[in-house]
Structure formats: structure tokens, C-alpha cells
Amino acid sequence: MTVDLTSGQVVFHSKRQSPERDFDSLLAGLDTSRVRADEIFQREIAAHKDRDRLLEKKFREAMRRSEEEPEQEPPLRPWDLD
């Protein structure tokens, strides 16, 4: 990359040359990416199943608290004071 010192603009830029890869190495990269994608998918499925269990547990806890605590009157609104 060549930059003009006075203006700060890029005068010349060239991309790095990527190494040439053969078909077998590209195919091996495809296999590894497929395995990685499958692992991520399985992890997300497990997290989703666990999420349902956690939400159910939170709901049960909230229901238990609402039954144990005495009911409170709703807070006063400004027009109730008139």
C-alpha cells in the first residue's frame, strides 16, 4: 500500500496473492466446515431443549411466589388523589 504523505490518500494498493490450492485440499476444508456446522447445530438444539426447561422452572417459581406473597393494592395513580 502506498499512501501520499501530504493528503493521506491511498495512491496504490495491491491484494495479497492467495496460495493456489488443489481440489483435495478444498474438499478437505469443506468436510471440516461441515463437521463444525453440525457441531454448532447440535449445540444449539441442546441449548434450545435446556431453554424450555429453564423457562418452565422460572415460571413455576414465579407462580409459587405469587401464591405465597399477600396481594397488594395497586399503587395510587395521580388522578386517584383528586
N, C-alpha and C. Protein backbone atom coordinates (compact mmCIF):
# COMPACT_ATOMS: atom_id res chain seq x y z
N MET A 1 0.86 -1.15 0.00
CA MET A 1 0.00 0.00 0.00
C MET A 1 0.92 1.22 0.00
N THR A 2 0.58 2.14 -0.87
CA THR A 2 1.33 3.39 -0.94
C THR A 2 0.38 4.52 -0.61
N VAL A 3 0.79 5.37 0.37
CA VAL A 3 -0.06 6.47 0.83
C VAL A 3 0.68 7.78 0.58
N ASP A 4 -0.04 8.77 0.03
CA ASP A 4 0.52 10.10 -0.16
C ASP A 4 0.63 10.79 1.19
N LEU A 5 1.83 11.25 1.55
CA LEU A 5 2.04 11.82 2.88
C LEU A 5 1.34 13.17 3.07
N THR A 6 1.22 13.95 2.03
CA THR A 6 0.60 15.26 2.20
C THR A 6 -0.92 15.18 2.31
N SER A 7 -1.55 14.38 1.48
CA SER A 7 -3.02 14.31 1.51
C SER A 7 -3.54 13.17 2.38
N GLY A 8 -2.73 12.14 2.62
CA GLY A 8 -3.18 10.99 3.40
C GLY A 8 -4.03 10.02 2.61
N GLN A 9 -4.10 10.17 1.30
CA GLN A 9 -4.91 9.28 0.48
C GLN A 9 -4.07 8.11 -0.02
N VAL A 10 -4.74 6.99 -0.24
CA VAL A 10 -4.08 5.80 -0.75
C VAL A 10 -3.84 5.98 -2.25
N VAL A 11 -2.57 5.86 -2.64
CA VAL A 11 -2.21 6.01 -4.04
C VAL A 11 -2.22 4.67 -4.76
N PHE A 12 -1.70 3.64 -4.11
CA PHE A 12 -1.62 2.33 -4.75
C PHE A 12 -1.87 1.27 -3.69
N HIS A 13 -2.65 0.25 -4.08
CA HIS A 13 -2.94 -0.85 -3.16
C HIS A 13 -3.00 -2.13 -3.97
N SER A 14 -2.33 -3.17 -3.47
CA SER A 14 -2.41 -4.46 -4.16
C SER A 14 -2.80 -5.52 -3.14
N LYS A 15 -3.61 -6.46 -3.58
CA LYS A 15 -4.05 -7.55 -2.72
C LYS A 15 -2.95 -8.60 -2.61
N ARG A 16 -2.95 -9.29 -1.45
CA ARG A 16 -2.03 -10.41 -1.31
C ARG A 16 -2.53 -11.54 -2.19
N GLN A 17 -1.59 -12.24 -2.75
CA GLN A 17 -1.94 -13.39 -3.57
C GLN A 17 -2.21 -14.58 -2.66
N SER A 18 -3.36 -15.19 -2.81
CA SER A 18 -3.67 -16.37 -2.02
C SER A 18 -2.98 -17.57 -2.65
N PRO A 19 -2.48 -18.47 -1.84
CA PRO A 19 -1.79 -19.63 -2.41
C PRO A 19 -2.78 -20.51 -3.19
N GLU A 20 -2.28 -21.07 -4.24
CA GLU A 20 -3.10 -21.97 -5.05
C GLU A 20 -3.33 -23.26 -4.27
N ARG A 21 -4.57 -23.71 -4.23
CA ARG A 21 -4.88 -24.95 -3.53
C ARG A 21 -5.47 -25.93 -4.53
N ASP A 22 -5.19 -27.18 -4.29
CA ASP A 22 -5.71 -28.20 -5.19
C ASP A 22 -7.10 -28.65 -4.73
N PHE A 23 -7.72 -29.45 -5.55
CA PHE A 23 -9.09 -29.89 -5.29
C PHE A 23 -9.21 -30.67 -4.00
N ASP A 24 -8.23 -31.53 -3.70
CA ASP A 24 -8.29 -32.35 -2.48
C ASP A 24 -8.26 -31.50 -1.22
N SER A 25 -7.44 -30.45 -1.21
CA SER A 25 -7.38 -29.60 -0.02
C SER A 25 -8.68 -28.80 0.13
N LEU A 26 -9.27 -28.38 -0.98
CA LEU A 26 -10.56 -27.68 -0.91
C LEU A 26 -11.66 -28.61 -0.40
N LEU A 27 -11.63 -29.87 -0.84
CA LEU A 27 -12.62 -30.84 -0.40
C LEU A 27 -12.45 -31.15 1.09
N ALA A 28 -11.22 -31.23 1.56
CA ALA A 28 -10.97 -31.47 2.99
C ALA A 28 -11.46 -30.29 3.81
N GLY A 29 -11.28 -29.07 3.31
CA GLY A 29 -11.79 -27.89 4.00
C GLY A 29 -13.30 -27.89 4.07
N LEU A 30 -13.95 -28.39 3.03
CA LEU A 30 -15.40 -28.49 3.02
C LEU A 30 -15.89 -29.49 4.06
N ASP A 31 -15.17 -30.61 4.19
CA ASP A 31 -15.55 -31.61 5.19
C ASP A 31 -15.40 -31.06 6.60
N THR A 32 -14.34 -30.34 6.87
CA THR A 32 -14.15 -29.79 8.22
C THR A 32 -15.19 -28.73 8.52
N SER A 33 -15.55 -27.93 7.54
CA SER A 33 -16.58 -26.91 7.79
C SER A 33 -17.94 -27.56 8.01
N ARG A 34 -18.21 -28.66 7.33
CA ARG A 34 -19.47 -29.38 7.51
C ARG A 34 -19.54 -29.98 8.92
N VAL A 35 -18.45 -30.55 9.39
CA VAL A 35 -18.40 -31.12 10.74
C VAL A 35 -18.60 -30.02 11.78
N ARG A 36 -17.94 -28.89 11.58
CA ARG A 36 -18.07 -27.77 12.51
C ARG A 36 -19.50 -27.24 12.53
N ALA A 37 -20.12 -27.13 11.37
CA ALA A 37 -21.51 -26.65 11.31
C ALA A 37 -22.45 -27.63 12.01
N ASP A 38 -22.19 -28.92 11.86
CA ASP A 38 -23.03 -29.92 12.53
C ASP A 38 -22.86 -29.84 14.05
N GLU A 39 -21.64 -29.62 14.53
CA GLU A 39 -21.41 -29.48 15.97
C GLU A 39 -22.15 -28.26 16.53
N ILE A 40 -22.09 -27.16 15.81
CA ILE A 40 -22.78 -25.94 16.25
C ILE A 40 -24.29 -26.17 16.26
N PHE A 41 -24.81 -26.86 15.26
CA PHE A 41 -26.23 -27.14 15.20
C PHE A 41 -26.67 -28.00 16.37
N GLN A 42 -25.91 -29.05 16.68
CA GLN A 42 -26.26 -29.92 17.80
C GLN A 42 -26.19 -29.16 19.13
N ARG A 43 -25.23 -28.26 19.26
CA ARG A 43 -25.11 -27.46 20.48
C ARG A 43 -26.33 -26.54 20.64
N GLU A 44 -26.78 -25.96 19.55
CA GLU A 44 -27.95 -25.07 19.61
C GLU A 44 -29.22 -25.85 19.92
N ILE A 45 -29.35 -27.05 19.40
CA ILE A 45 -30.52 -27.89 19.72
C ILE A 45 -30.53 -28.19 21.21
N ALA A 46 -29.38 -28.56 21.76
CA ALA A 46 -29.30 -28.86 23.20
C ALA A 46 -29.63 -27.62 24.02
N ALA A 47 -29.15 -26.46 23.60
CA ALA A 47 -29.44 -25.22 24.32
C ALA A 47 -30.93 -24.90 24.26
N HIS A 48 -31.56 -25.18 23.13
CA HIS A 48 -32.99 -24.90 22.99
C HIS A 48 -33.81 -25.82 23.91
N LYS A 49 -33.43 -27.09 23.99
CA LYS A 49 -34.13 -28.00 24.89
C LYS A 49 -33.95 -27.57 26.33
N ASP A 50 -32.76 -27.15 26.68
CA ASP A 50 -32.47 -26.70 28.03
C ASP A 50 -33.20 -25.38 28.33
N ARG A 51 -33.36 -24.54 27.31
CA ARG A 51 -34.07 -23.28 27.49
C ARG A 51 -35.51 -23.51 27.89
N ASP A 52 -36.16 -24.49 27.27
CA ASP A 52 -37.54 -24.80 27.63
C ASP A 52 -37.65 -25.22 29.09
N ARG A 53 -36.70 -26.03 29.53
CA ARG A 53 -36.70 -26.48 30.93
C ARG A 53 -36.49 -25.30 31.87
N LEU A 54 -35.56 -24.41 31.53
CA LEU A 54 -35.29 -23.25 32.39
C LEU A 54 -36.48 -22.30 32.45
N LEU A 55 -37.14 -22.08 31.32
CA LEU A 55 -38.31 -21.21 31.31
C LEU A 55 -39.43 -21.80 32.15
N GLU A 56 -39.62 -23.11 32.06
CA GLU A 56 -40.64 -23.76 32.88
C GLU A 56 -40.32 -23.62 34.36
N LYS A 57 -39.05 -23.77 34.72
CA LYS A 57 -38.63 -23.63 36.12
C LYS A 57 -38.86 -22.20 36.62
N LYS A 58 -38.53 -21.21 35.79
CA LYS A 58 -38.76 -19.81 36.18
C LYS A 58 -40.25 -19.52 36.34
N PHE A 59 -41.06 -20.08 35.46
CA PHE A 59 -42.50 -19.88 35.54
C PHE A 59 -43.06 -20.47 36.83
N ARG A 60 -42.63 -21.70 37.15
CA ARG A 60 -43.10 -22.34 38.38
C ARG A 60 -42.69 -21.54 39.61
N GLU A 61 -41.48 -21.03 39.62
CA GLU A 61 -41.01 -20.22 40.75
C GLU A 61 -41.83 -18.93 40.88
N ALA A 62 -42.14 -18.28 39.77
CA ALA A 62 -42.94 -17.06 39.80
C ALA A 62 -44.36 -17.37 40.30
N MET A 63 -44.91 -18.49 39.88
CA MET A 63 -46.24 -18.87 40.35
C MET A 63 -46.22 -19.15 41.86
N ARG A 64 -45.19 -19.82 42.34
CA ARG A 64 -45.08 -20.13 43.76
C ARG A 64 -44.97 -18.84 44.57
N ARG A 65 -44.16 -17.90 44.10
CA ARG A 65 -44.02 -16.62 44.81
C ARG A 65 -45.33 -15.84 44.83
N SER A 66 -46.04 -15.86 43.72
CA SER A 66 -47.29 -15.10 43.67
C SER A 66 -48.34 -15.69 44.62
N GLU A 67 -48.29 -17.00 44.84
CA GLU A 67 -49.24 -17.63 45.76
C GLU A 67 -48.85 -17.38 47.22
N GLU A 68 -47.55 -17.30 47.50
CA GLU A 68 -47.10 -17.11 48.88
C GLU A 68 -47.22 -15.67 49.36
N GLU A 69 -46.95 -14.73 48.50
CA GLU A 69 -46.97 -13.33 48.91
C GLU A 69 -48.41 -12.83 49.00
N PRO A 70 -48.66 -12.00 50.00
CA PRO A 70 -50.01 -11.44 50.08
C PRO A 70 -50.25 -10.46 48.93
N GLU A 71 -51.51 -10.39 48.54
CA GLU A 71 -51.83 -9.48 47.44
C GLU A 71 -51.75 -8.05 47.94
N GLN A 72 -51.22 -7.20 47.12
CA GLN A 72 -51.07 -5.79 47.47
C GLN A 72 -52.06 -4.99 46.65
N GLU A 73 -52.42 -3.85 47.21
CA GLU A 73 -53.29 -2.95 46.45
C GLU A 73 -52.48 -2.33 45.33
N PRO A 74 -53.12 -2.03 44.23
CA PRO A 74 -52.39 -1.38 43.15
C PRO A 74 -51.92 0.00 43.61
N PRO A 75 -50.83 0.50 43.08
CA PRO A 75 -50.33 1.81 43.51
C PRO A 75 -51.32 2.91 43.11
N LEU A 76 -51.30 3.97 43.89
CA LEU A 76 -52.18 5.11 43.60
C LEU A 76 -51.75 5.81 42.33
N ARG A 77 -52.72 6.18 41.55
CA ARG A 77 -52.46 6.94 40.36
C ARG A 77 -52.68 8.40 40.67
N PRO A 78 -52.10 9.32 39.93
CA PRO A 78 -52.25 10.76 40.26
C PRO A 78 -53.70 11.22 40.28
N TRP A 79 -54.54 10.71 39.40
CA TRP A 79 -55.94 11.19 39.38
C TRP A 79 -56.76 10.57 40.52
N ASP A 80 -56.22 9.53 41.18
CA ASP A 80 -56.93 8.97 42.33
C ASP A 80 -56.84 9.92 43.53
N LEU A 81 -55.85 10.79 43.54
CA LEU A 81 -55.65 11.69 44.67
C LEU A 81 -56.55 12.92 44.61
N ASP A 82 -57.21 13.15 43.51
CA ASP A 82 -58.07 14.34 43.38
C ASP A 82 -59.35 14.19 44.15
